[in-house]
PDB file of N, CA and C in Angstrom:
ATOM      1  N   UNK A   1     -78.517 220.067   5.278  1.00  0.00           N
ATOM      2  CA  UNK A   1     -77.725 221.007   6.028  1.00  0.00           C
ATOM      3  C   UNK A   1     -77.722 220.666   7.508  1.00  0.00           C
ATOM      4  N   UNK A   2     -78.857 220.190   8.007  1.00  0.00           N
ATOM      5  CA  UNK A   2     -78.928 219.857   9.429  1.00  0.00           C
ATOM      6  C   UNK A   2     -78.039 218.645   9.745  1.00  0.00           C
ATOM      7  N   UNK A   3     -77.878 217.735   8.770  1.00  0.00           N
ATOM      8  CA  UNK A   3     -76.985 216.594   8.994  1.00  0.00           C
ATOM      9  C   UNK A   3     -75.544 217.045   9.150  1.00  0.00           C
ATOM     10  N   UNK A   4     -75.139 218.016   8.361  1.00  0.00           N
ATOM     11  CA  UNK A   4     -73.787 218.552   8.456  1.00  0.00           C
ATOM     12  C   UNK A   4     -73.566 219.217   9.820  1.00  0.00           C
ATOM     13  N   UNK A   5     -74.558 219.943  10.281  1.00  0.00           N
ATOM     14  CA  UNK A   5     -74.451 220.571  11.598  1.00  0.00           C
ATOM     15  C   UNK A   5     -74.361 219.528  12.706  1.00  0.00           C
ATOM     16  N   UNK A   6     -75.107 218.446  12.566  1.00  0.00           N
ATOM     17  CA  UNK A   6     -75.048 217.375  13.555  1.00  0.00           C
ATOM     18  C   UNK A   6     -73.665 216.727  13.585  1.00  0.00           C
ATOM     19  N   UNK A   7     -73.088 216.486  12.421  1.00  0.00           N
ATOM     20  CA  UNK A   7     -71.741 215.895  12.352  1.00  0.00           C
ATOM     21  C   UNK A   7     -70.722 216.825  12.980  1.00  0.00           C
ATOM     22  N   UNK A   8     -70.808 218.117  12.653  1.00  0.00           N
ATOM     23  CA  UNK A   8     -69.874 219.086  13.226  1.00  0.00           C
ATOM     24  C   UNK A   8     -70.041 219.191  14.740  1.00  0.00           C
ATOM     25  N   UNK A   9     -71.274 219.138  15.219  1.00  0.00           N
ATOM     26  CA  UNK A   9     -71.511 219.178  16.666  1.00  0.00           C
ATOM     27  C   UNK A   9     -70.918 217.950  17.348  1.00  0.00           C
ATOM     28  N   UNK A  10     -71.089 216.778  16.747  1.00  0.00           N
ATOM     29  CA  UNK A  10     -70.523 215.558  17.329  1.00  0.00           C
ATOM     30  C   UNK A  10     -68.997 215.601  17.341  1.00  0.00           C
ATOM     31  N   UNK A  11     -68.409 216.112  16.283  1.00  0.00           N
ATOM     32  CA  UNK A  11     -66.952 216.259  16.260  1.00  0.00           C
ATOM     33  C   UNK A  11     -66.478 217.226  17.334  1.00  0.00           C
ATOM     34  N   UNK A  12     -67.188 218.333  17.489  1.00  0.00           N
ATOM     35  CA  UNK A  12     -66.828 219.311  18.521  1.00  0.00           C
ATOM     36  C   UNK A  12     -66.947 218.738  19.919  1.00  0.00           C
ATOM     37  N   UNK A  13     -68.021 218.003  20.181  1.00  0.00           N
ATOM     38  CA  UNK A  13     -68.193 217.366  21.482  1.00  0.00           C
ATOM     39  C   UNK A  13     -67.088 216.346  21.728  1.00  0.00           C
ATOM     40  N   UNK A  14     -66.741 215.588  20.690  1.00  0.00           N
ATOM     41  CA  UNK A  14     -65.659 214.610  20.827  1.00  0.00           C
ATOM     42  C   UNK A  14     -64.333 215.263  21.145  1.00  0.00           C
ATOM     43  N   UNK A  15     -64.040 216.382  20.500  1.00  0.00           N
ATOM     44  CA  UNK A  15     -62.794 217.100  20.786  1.00  0.00           C
ATOM     45  C   UNK A  15     -62.786 217.644  22.212  1.00  0.00           C
ATOM     46  N   UNK A  16     -63.913 218.183  22.652  1.00  0.00           N
ATOM     47  CA  UNK A  16     -63.989 218.685  24.022  1.00  0.00           C
ATOM     48  C   UNK A  16     -63.795 217.572  25.045  1.00  0.00           C
ATOM     49  N   UNK A  17     -64.431 216.437  24.819  1.00  0.00           N
ATOM     50  CA  UNK A  17     -64.281 215.319  25.753  1.00  0.00           C
ATOM     51  C   UNK A  17     -62.865 214.768  25.747  1.00  0.00           C
ATOM     52  N   UNK A  18     -62.215 214.777  24.591  1.00  0.00           N
ATOM     53  CA  UNK A  18     -60.840 214.293  24.507  1.00  0.00           C
ATOM     54  C   UNK A  18     -59.895 215.211  25.282  1.00  0.00           C
ATOM     55  N   UNK A  19     -60.100 216.504  25.193  1.00  0.00           N
ATOM     56  CA  UNK A  19     -59.216 217.452  25.868  1.00  0.00           C
ATOM     57  C   UNK A  19     -59.502 217.572  27.355  1.00  0.00           C
ATOM     58  N   UNK A  20     -60.723 217.232  27.780  1.00  0.00           N
ATOM     59  CA  UNK A  20     -61.064 217.365  29.201  1.00  0.00           C
ATOM     60  C   UNK A  20     -60.550 216.204  30.036  1.00  0.00           C
ATOM     61  N   UNK A  21     -60.128 215.127  29.427  1.00  0.00           N
ATOM     62  CA  UNK A  21     -59.583 213.940  30.098  1.00  0.00           C
ATOM     63  C   UNK A  21     -60.588 213.276  31.032  1.00  0.00           C
ATOM     64  N   UNK A  22     -61.859 213.470  30.797  1.00  0.00           N
ATOM     65  CA  UNK A  22     -62.882 212.812  31.623  1.00  0.00           C
ATOM     66  C   UNK A  22     -63.269 211.441  31.078  1.00  0.00           C
ATOM     67  N   UNK A  23     -62.969 211.209  29.819  1.00  0.00           N
ATOM     68  CA  UNK A  23     -63.294 209.920  29.210  1.00  0.00           C
ATOM     69  C   UNK A  23     -62.134 208.955  29.414  1.00  0.00           C
ATOM     70  N   UNK A  24     -62.430 207.683  29.674  1.00  0.00           N
ATOM     71  CA  UNK A  24     -61.336 206.709  29.820  1.00  0.00           C
ATOM     72  C   UNK A  24     -60.620 206.481  28.487  1.00  0.00           C
ATOM     73  N   UNK A  25     -59.431 205.910  28.554  1.00  0.00           N
ATOM     74  CA  UNK A  25     -58.605 205.697  27.360  1.00  0.00           C
ATOM     75  C   UNK A  25     -59.295 204.792  26.333  1.00  0.00           C
ATOM     76  N   UNK A  26     -60.035 203.791  26.787  1.00  0.00           N
ATOM     77  CA  UNK A  26     -60.658 202.849  25.855  1.00  0.00           C
ATOM     78  C   UNK A  26     -62.103 203.225  25.502  1.00  0.00           C
ATOM     79  N   UNK A  27     -62.466 204.481  25.685  1.00  0.00           N
ATOM     80  CA  UNK A  27     -63.823 204.927  25.373  1.00  0.00           C
ATOM     81  C   UNK A  27     -64.105 204.822  23.880  1.00  0.00           C
ATOM     82  N   UNK A  28     -63.111 205.087  23.050  1.00  0.00           N
ATOM     83  CA  UNK A  28     -63.325 205.011  21.595  1.00  0.00           C
ATOM     84  C   UNK A  28     -63.674 203.590  21.175  1.00  0.00           C
ATOM     85  N   UNK A  29     -63.010 202.589  21.752  1.00  0.00           N
ATOM     86  CA  UNK A  29     -63.320 201.189  21.419  1.00  0.00           C
ATOM     87  C   UNK A  29     -64.735 200.829  21.841  1.00  0.00           C
ATOM     88  N   UNK A  30     -65.126 201.261  23.029  1.00  0.00           N
ATOM     89  CA  UNK A  30     -66.476 200.965  23.509  1.00  0.00           C
ATOM     90  C   UNK A  30     -67.530 201.643  22.638  1.00  0.00           C
ATOM     91  N   UNK A  31     -67.284 202.890  22.252  1.00  0.00           N
ATOM     92  CA  UNK A  31     -68.243 203.590  21.398  1.00  0.00           C
ATOM     93  C   UNK A  31     -68.312 202.968  20.001  1.00  0.00           C
ATOM     94  N   UNK A  32     -67.167 202.543  19.475  1.00  0.00           N
ATOM     95  CA  UNK A  32     -67.165 201.873  18.170  1.00  0.00           C
ATOM     96  C   UNK A  32     -67.955 200.578  18.215  1.00  0.00           C
ATOM     97  N   UNK A  33     -67.781 199.794  19.276  1.00  0.00           N
ATOM     98  CA  UNK A  33     -68.544 198.550  19.407  1.00  0.00           C
ATOM     99  C   UNK A  33     -70.035 198.828  19.520  1.00  0.00           C
ATOM    100  N   UNK A  34     -70.396 199.876  20.249  1.00  0.00           N
ATOM    101  CA  UNK A  34     -71.805 200.246  20.354  1.00  0.00           C
ATOM    102  C   UNK A  34     -72.379 200.593  18.978  1.00  0.00           C
ATOM    103  N   UNK A  35     -71.635 201.385  18.225  1.00  0.00           N
ATOM    104  CA  UNK A  35     -72.123 201.788  16.897  1.00  0.00           C
ATOM    105  C   UNK A  35     -72.273 200.579  15.988  1.00  0.00           C
ATOM    106  N   UNK A  36     -71.268 199.687  15.992  1.00  0.00           N
ATOM    107  CA  UNK A  36     -71.302 198.527  15.096  1.00  0.00           C
ATOM    108  C   UNK A  36     -72.372 197.512  15.460  1.00  0.00           C
ATOM    109  N   UNK A  37     -72.568 197.268  16.744  1.00  0.00           N
ATOM    110  CA  UNK A  37     -73.453 196.174  17.143  1.00  0.00           C
ATOM    111  C   UNK A  37     -74.844 196.611  17.588  1.00  0.00           C
ATOM    112  N   UNK A  38     -75.045 197.899  17.867  1.00  0.00           N
ATOM    113  CA  UNK A  38     -76.364 198.343  18.326  1.00  0.00           C
ATOM    114  C   UNK A  38     -76.948 199.407  17.399  1.00  0.00           C
ATOM    115  N   UNK A  39     -76.221 200.507  17.201  1.00  0.00           N
ATOM    116  CA  UNK A  39     -76.795 201.644  16.481  1.00  0.00           C
ATOM    117  C   UNK A  39     -77.017 201.358  14.996  1.00  0.00           C
ATOM    118  N   UNK A  40     -76.010 200.799  14.309  1.00  0.00           N
ATOM    119  CA  UNK A  40     -76.181 200.516  12.879  1.00  0.00           C
ATOM    120  C   UNK A  40     -77.274 199.498  12.590  1.00  0.00           C
ATOM    121  N   UNK A  41     -77.309 198.356  13.296  1.00  0.00           N
ATOM    122  CA  UNK A  41     -78.433 197.429  13.040  1.00  0.00           C
ATOM    123  C   UNK A  41     -79.797 198.053  13.332  1.00  0.00           C
ATOM    124  N   UNK A  42     -79.881 198.874  14.378  1.00  0.00           N
ATOM    125  CA  UNK A  42     -81.160 199.524  14.683  1.00  0.00           C
ATOM    126  C   UNK A  42     -81.563 200.480  13.574  1.00  0.00           C
ATOM    127  N   UNK A  43     -80.603 201.241  13.055  1.00  0.00           N
ATOM    128  CA  UNK A  43     -80.901 202.166  11.968  1.00  0.00           C
ATOM    129  C   UNK A  43     -81.341 201.411  10.712  1.00  0.00           C
ATOM    130  N   UNK A  44     -80.667 200.307  10.419  1.00  0.00           N
ATOM    131  CA  UNK A  44     -81.021 199.514   9.244  1.00  0.00           C
ATOM    132  C   UNK A  44     -82.430 198.956   9.386  1.00  0.00           C
ATOM    133  N   UNK A  45     -82.753 198.450  10.572  1.00  0.00           N
ATOM    134  CA  UNK A  45     -84.086 197.887  10.779  1.00  0.00           C
ATOM    135  C   UNK A  45     -85.184 198.949  10.711  1.00  0.00           C
ATOM    136  N   UNK A  46     -84.877 200.183  11.056  1.00  0.00           N
ATOM    137  CA  UNK A  46     -85.897 201.230  10.938  1.00  0.00           C
ATOM    138  C   UNK A  46     -86.037 201.737   9.502  1.00  0.00           C
ATOM    139  N   UNK A  47     -84.995 201.624   8.700  1.00  0.00           N
ATOM    140  CA  UNK A  47     -85.040 202.146   7.329  1.00  0.00           C
ATOM    141  C   UNK A  47     -85.526 201.124   6.303  1.00  0.00           C
ATOM    142  N   UNK A  48     -85.417 199.829   6.576  1.00  0.00           N
ATOM    143  CA  UNK A  48     -85.812 198.806   5.610  1.00  0.00           C
ATOM    144  C   UNK A  48     -87.293 198.907   5.217  1.00  0.00           C
ATOM    145  N   UNK A  49     -88.213 199.119   6.147  1.00  0.00           N
ATOM    146  CA  UNK A  49     -89.626 199.221   5.706  1.00  0.00           C
ATOM    147  C   UNK A  49     -89.897 200.407   4.788  1.00  0.00           C
ATOM    148  N   UNK A  50     -89.045 201.418   4.796  1.00  0.00           N
ATOM    149  CA  UNK A  50     -89.255 202.596   3.957  1.00  0.00           C
ATOM    150  C   UNK A  50     -88.756 202.411   2.530  1.00  0.00           C
ATOM    151  N   UNK A  51     -88.038 201.324   2.265  1.00  0.00           N
ATOM    152  CA  UNK A  51     -87.477 201.099   0.935  1.00  0.00           C
ATOM    153  C   UNK A  51     -88.574 200.744  -0.060  1.00  0.00           C
ATOM    154  N   UNK A  52     -88.410 201.223  -1.267  1.00  0.00           N
ATOM    155  CA  UNK A  52     -89.298 200.832  -2.354  1.00  0.00           C
ATOM    156  C   UNK A  52     -88.454 200.143  -3.414  1.00  0.00           C
ATOM    157  N   UNK A  53     -88.889 198.968  -3.802  1.00  0.00           N
ATOM    158  CA  UNK A  53     -88.167 198.216  -4.810  1.00  0.00           C
ATOM    159  C   UNK A  53     -88.748 198.536  -6.179  1.00  0.00           C
ATOM    160  N   UNK A  54     -87.973 199.244  -6.967  1.00  0.00           N
ATOM    161  CA  UNK A  54     -88.370 199.564  -8.322  1.00  0.00           C
ATOM    162  C   UNK A  54     -87.164 199.383  -9.237  1.00  0.00           C
ATOM    163  N   UNK A  55     -87.245 199.901 -10.434  1.00  0.00           N
ATOM    164  CA  UNK A  55     -86.164 199.701 -11.404  1.00  0.00           C
ATOM    165  C   UNK A  55     -84.879 200.387 -10.970  1.00  0.00           C
ATOM    166  N   UNK A  56     -84.971 201.488 -10.254  1.00  0.00           N
ATOM    167  CA  UNK A  56     -83.762 202.172  -9.786  1.00  0.00           C
ATOM    168  C   UNK A  56     -82.993 201.327  -8.781  1.00  0.00           C
ATOM    169  N   UNK A  57     -83.687 200.481  -8.045  1.00  0.00           N
ATOM    170  CA  UNK A  57     -83.023 199.631  -7.060  1.00  0.00           C
ATOM    171  C   UNK A  57     -82.291 198.470  -7.728  1.00  0.00           C
ATOM    172  N   UNK A  58     -82.682 198.111  -8.931  1.00  0.00           N
ATOM    173  CA  UNK A  58     -82.041 196.995  -9.622  1.00  0.00           C
ATOM    174  C   UNK A  58     -80.674 197.357 -10.197  1.00  0.00           C
ATOM    175  N   UNK A  59     -80.459 198.601 -10.541  1.00  0.00           N
ATOM    176  CA  UNK A  59     -79.205 198.997 -11.163  1.00  0.00           C
ATOM    177  C   UNK A  59     -77.973 198.695 -10.292  1.00  0.00           C
ATOM    178  N   UNK A  60     -77.935 199.056  -9.014  1.00  0.00           N
ATOM    179  CA  UNK A  60     -76.754 198.710  -8.218  1.00  0.00           C
ATOM    180  C   UNK A  60     -76.554 197.205  -8.064  1.00  0.00           C
ATOM    181  N   UNK A  61     -77.646 196.468  -7.962  1.00  0.00           N
ATOM    182  CA  UNK A  61     -77.541 195.015  -7.798  1.00  0.00           C
ATOM    183  C   UNK A  61     -76.987 194.377  -9.068  1.00  0.00           C
ATOM    184  N   UNK A  62     -77.550 194.744 -10.194  1.00  0.00           N
ATOM    185  CA  UNK A  62     -77.110 194.160 -11.469  1.00  0.00           C
ATOM    186  C   UNK A  62     -75.684 194.572 -11.793  1.00  0.00           C
ATOM    187  N   UNK A  63     -75.337 195.831 -11.577  1.00  0.00           N
ATOM    188  CA  UNK A  63     -73.977 196.275 -11.889  1.00  0.00           C
ATOM    189  C   UNK A  63     -72.946 195.579 -11.002  1.00  0.00           C
ATOM    190  N   UNK A  64     -73.272 195.322  -9.756  1.00  0.00           N
ATOM    191  CA  UNK A  64     -72.349 194.601  -8.874  1.00  0.00           C
ATOM    192  C   UNK A  64     -72.098 193.189  -9.383  1.00  0.00           C
ATOM    193  N   UNK A  65     -73.157 192.496  -9.773  1.00  0.00           N
ATOM    194  CA  UNK A  65     -72.989 191.129 -10.279  1.00  0.00           C
ATOM    195  C   UNK A  65     -72.241 191.113 -11.606  1.00  0.00           C
ATOM    196  N   UNK A  66     -72.479 192.092 -12.469  1.00  0.00           N
ATOM    197  CA  UNK A  66     -71.775 192.155 -13.746  1.00  0.00           C
ATOM    198  C   UNK A  66     -70.287 192.389 -13.524  1.00  0.00           C
ATOM    199  N   UNK A  67     -69.941 193.292 -12.626  1.00  0.00           N
ATOM    200  CA  UNK A  67     -68.528 193.553 -12.332  1.00  0.00           C
ATOM    201  C   UNK A  67     -67.868 192.310 -11.738  1.00  0.00           C
ATOM    202  N   UNK A  68     -68.565 191.627 -10.821  1.00  0.00           N
ATOM    203  CA  UNK A  68     -68.001 190.430 -10.212  1.00  0.00           C
ATOM    204  C   UNK A  68     -67.793 189.327 -11.251  1.00  0.00           C
ATOM    205  N   UNK A  69     -68.768 189.111 -12.117  1.00  0.00           N
ATOM    206  CA  UNK A  69     -68.652 188.055 -13.130  1.00  0.00           C
ATOM    207  C   UNK A  69     -67.559 188.374 -14.142  1.00  0.00           C
ATOM    208  N   UNK A  70     -67.467 189.624 -14.564  1.00  0.00           N
ATOM    209  CA  UNK A  70     -66.424 189.977 -15.538  1.00  0.00           C
ATOM    210  C   UNK A  70     -65.033 189.905 -14.915  1.00  0.00           C
ATOM    211  N   UNK A  71     -64.903 190.272 -13.664  1.00  0.00           N
ATOM    212  CA  UNK A  71     -63.611 190.159 -12.986  1.00  0.00           C
ATOM    213  C   UNK A  71     -63.223 188.699 -12.812  1.00  0.00           C
ATOM    214  N   UNK A  72     -64.179 187.852 -12.444  1.00  0.00           N
ATOM    215  CA  UNK A  72     -63.887 186.426 -12.301  1.00  0.00           C
ATOM    216  C   UNK A  72     -63.467 185.823 -13.630  1.00  0.00           C
ATOM    217  N   UNK A  73     -64.130 186.208 -14.713  1.00  0.00           N
ATOM    218  CA  UNK A  73     -63.758 185.697 -16.033  1.00  0.00           C
ATOM    219  C   UNK A  73     -62.368 186.175 -16.431  1.00  0.00           C
ATOM    220  N   UNK A  74     -62.058 187.425 -16.149  1.00  0.00           N
ATOM    221  CA  UNK A  74     -60.739 187.964 -16.464  1.00  0.00           C
ATOM    222  C   UNK A  74     -59.648 187.254 -15.667  1.00  0.00           C
ATOM    223  N   UNK A  75     -59.887 187.011 -14.393  1.00  0.00           N
ATOM    224  CA  UNK A  75     -58.908 186.285 -13.569  1.00  0.00           C
ATOM    225  C   UNK A  75     -58.741 184.863 -14.084  1.00  0.00           C
ATOM    226  N   UNK A  76     -59.829 184.220 -14.431  1.00  0.00           N
ATOM    227  CA  UNK A  76     -59.753 182.841 -14.906  1.00  0.00           C
ATOM    228  C   UNK A  76     -58.964 182.764 -16.215  1.00  0.00           C
ATOM    229  N   UNK A  77     -59.254 183.682 -17.141  1.00  0.00           N
ATOM    230  CA  UNK A  77     -58.527 183.683 -18.416  1.00  0.00           C
ATOM    231  C   UNK A  77     -57.047 184.008 -18.216  1.00  0.00           C
ATOM    232  N   UNK A  78     -56.751 184.940 -17.357  1.00  0.00           N
ATOM    233  CA  UNK A  78     -55.355 185.295 -17.072  1.00  0.00           C
ATOM    234  C   UNK A  78     -54.626 184.127 -16.422  1.00  0.00           C
ATOM    235  N   UNK A  79     -55.299 183.454 -15.500  1.00  0.00           N
ATOM    236  CA  UNK A  79     -54.685 182.316 -14.817  1.00  0.00           C
ATOM    237  C   UNK A  79     -54.406 181.177 -15.792  1.00  0.00           C
ATOM    238  N   UNK A  80     -55.304 180.952 -16.716  1.00  0.00           N
ATOM    239  CA  UNK A  80     -55.063 179.907 -17.729  1.00  0.00           C
ATOM    240  C   UNK A  80     -53.927 180.304 -18.665  1.00  0.00           C
ATOM    241  N   UNK A  81     -53.874 181.578 -19.012  1.00  0.00           N
ATOM    242  CA  UNK A  81     -52.837 182.056 -19.919  1.00  0.00           C
ATOM    243  C   UNK A  81     -51.442 181.974 -19.318  1.00  0.00           C
ATOM    244  N   UNK A  82     -51.330 182.273 -18.026  1.00  0.00           N
ATOM    245  CA  UNK A  82     -50.032 182.233 -17.370  1.00  0.00           C
ATOM    246  C   UNK A  82     -49.739 180.896 -16.702  1.00  0.00           C
ATOM    247  N   UNK A  83     -50.711 179.998 -16.672  1.00  0.00           N
ATOM    248  CA  UNK A  83     -50.518 178.682 -16.073  1.00  0.00           C
ATOM    249  C   UNK A  83     -50.411 178.708 -14.555  1.00  0.00           C
ATOM    250  N   UNK A  84     -51.148 179.599 -13.917  1.00  0.00           N
ATOM    251  CA  UNK A  84     -51.106 179.688 -12.459  1.00  0.00           C
ATOM    252  C   UNK A  84     -51.803 178.489 -11.843  1.00  0.00           C
ATOM    253  N   UNK A  85     -51.426 178.167 -10.610  1.00  0.00           N
ATOM    254  CA  UNK A  85     -52.018 177.022  -9.921  1.00  0.00           C
ATOM    255  C   UNK A  85     -53.448 177.372  -9.484  1.00  0.00           C
ATOM    256  N   UNK A  86     -54.160 176.328  -9.074  1.00  0.00           N
ATOM    257  CA  UNK A  86     -55.547 176.532  -8.638  1.00  0.00           C
ATOM    258  C   UNK A  86     -55.608 177.369  -7.368  1.00  0.00           C
ATOM    259  N   UNK A  87     -54.592 177.220  -6.500  1.00  0.00           N
ATOM    260  CA  UNK A  87     -54.612 177.983  -5.263  1.00  0.00           C
ATOM    261  C   UNK A  87     -54.423 179.482  -5.534  1.00  0.00           C
ATOM    262  N   UNK A  88     -53.547 179.820  -6.468  1.00  0.00           N
ATOM    263  CA  UNK A  88     -53.340 181.219  -6.821  1.00  0.00           C
ATOM    264  C   UNK A  88     -54.614 181.773  -7.492  1.00  0.00           C
ATOM    265  N   UNK A  89     -55.179 181.000  -8.383  1.00  0.00           N
ATOM    266  CA  UNK A  89     -56.406 181.418  -9.066  1.00  0.00           C
ATOM    267  C   UNK A  89     -57.538 181.612  -8.067  1.00  0.00           C
ATOM    268  N   UNK A  90     -57.673 180.671  -7.138  1.00  0.00           N
ATOM    269  CA  UNK A  90     -58.717 180.788  -6.116  1.00  0.00           C
ATOM    270  C   UNK A  90     -58.525 181.996  -5.224  1.00  0.00           C
ATOM    271  N   UNK A  91     -57.260 182.266  -4.856  1.00  0.00           N
ATOM    272  CA  UNK A  91     -56.991 183.432  -4.022  1.00  0.00           C
ATOM    273  C   UNK A  91     -57.329 184.718  -4.763  1.00  0.00           C
ATOM    274  N   UNK A  92     -56.984 184.797  -6.034  1.00  0.00           N
ATOM    275  CA  UNK A  92     -57.320 185.989  -6.811  1.00  0.00           C
ATOM    276  C   UNK A  92     -58.832 186.140  -7.011  1.00  0.00           C
ATOM    277  N   UNK A  93     -59.530 185.020  -7.142  1.00  0.00           N
ATOM    278  CA  UNK A  93     -60.994 185.083  -7.260  1.00  0.00           C
ATOM    279  C   UNK A  93     -61.605 185.642  -5.975  1.00  0.00           C
ATOM    280  N   UNK A  94     -61.042 185.248  -4.846  1.00  0.00           N
ATOM    281  CA  UNK A  94     -61.572 185.749  -3.573  1.00  0.00           C
ATOM    282  C   UNK A  94     -61.270 187.220  -3.385  1.00  0.00           C
ATOM    283  N   UNK A  95     -60.137 187.645  -3.882  1.00  0.00           N
ATOM    284  CA  UNK A  95     -59.775 189.054  -3.744  1.00  0.00           C
ATOM    285  C   UNK A  95     -60.638 189.872  -4.664  1.00  0.00           C
TER     286      UNK A  95
END
């Protein structure tokens, strides 16, 4: 519940700053760059030591690889069936 209140407070502060015209026009870009290059990596580095690797952590990893492998096989079989070129097949594999 406190996280929801924090999000609502940040949204309210952002709306107030937007309407007060005290922030420069490119403030959103600067704040986005700060979040992407400073805040998120810092948060990740503080949370990694708290992780516990157990069987529950394996499920997302294994399911991701299974979905990727089955999609690649489906694209490969479809490409062979329709006679698509290697470049088209490669592009679909990347997508």
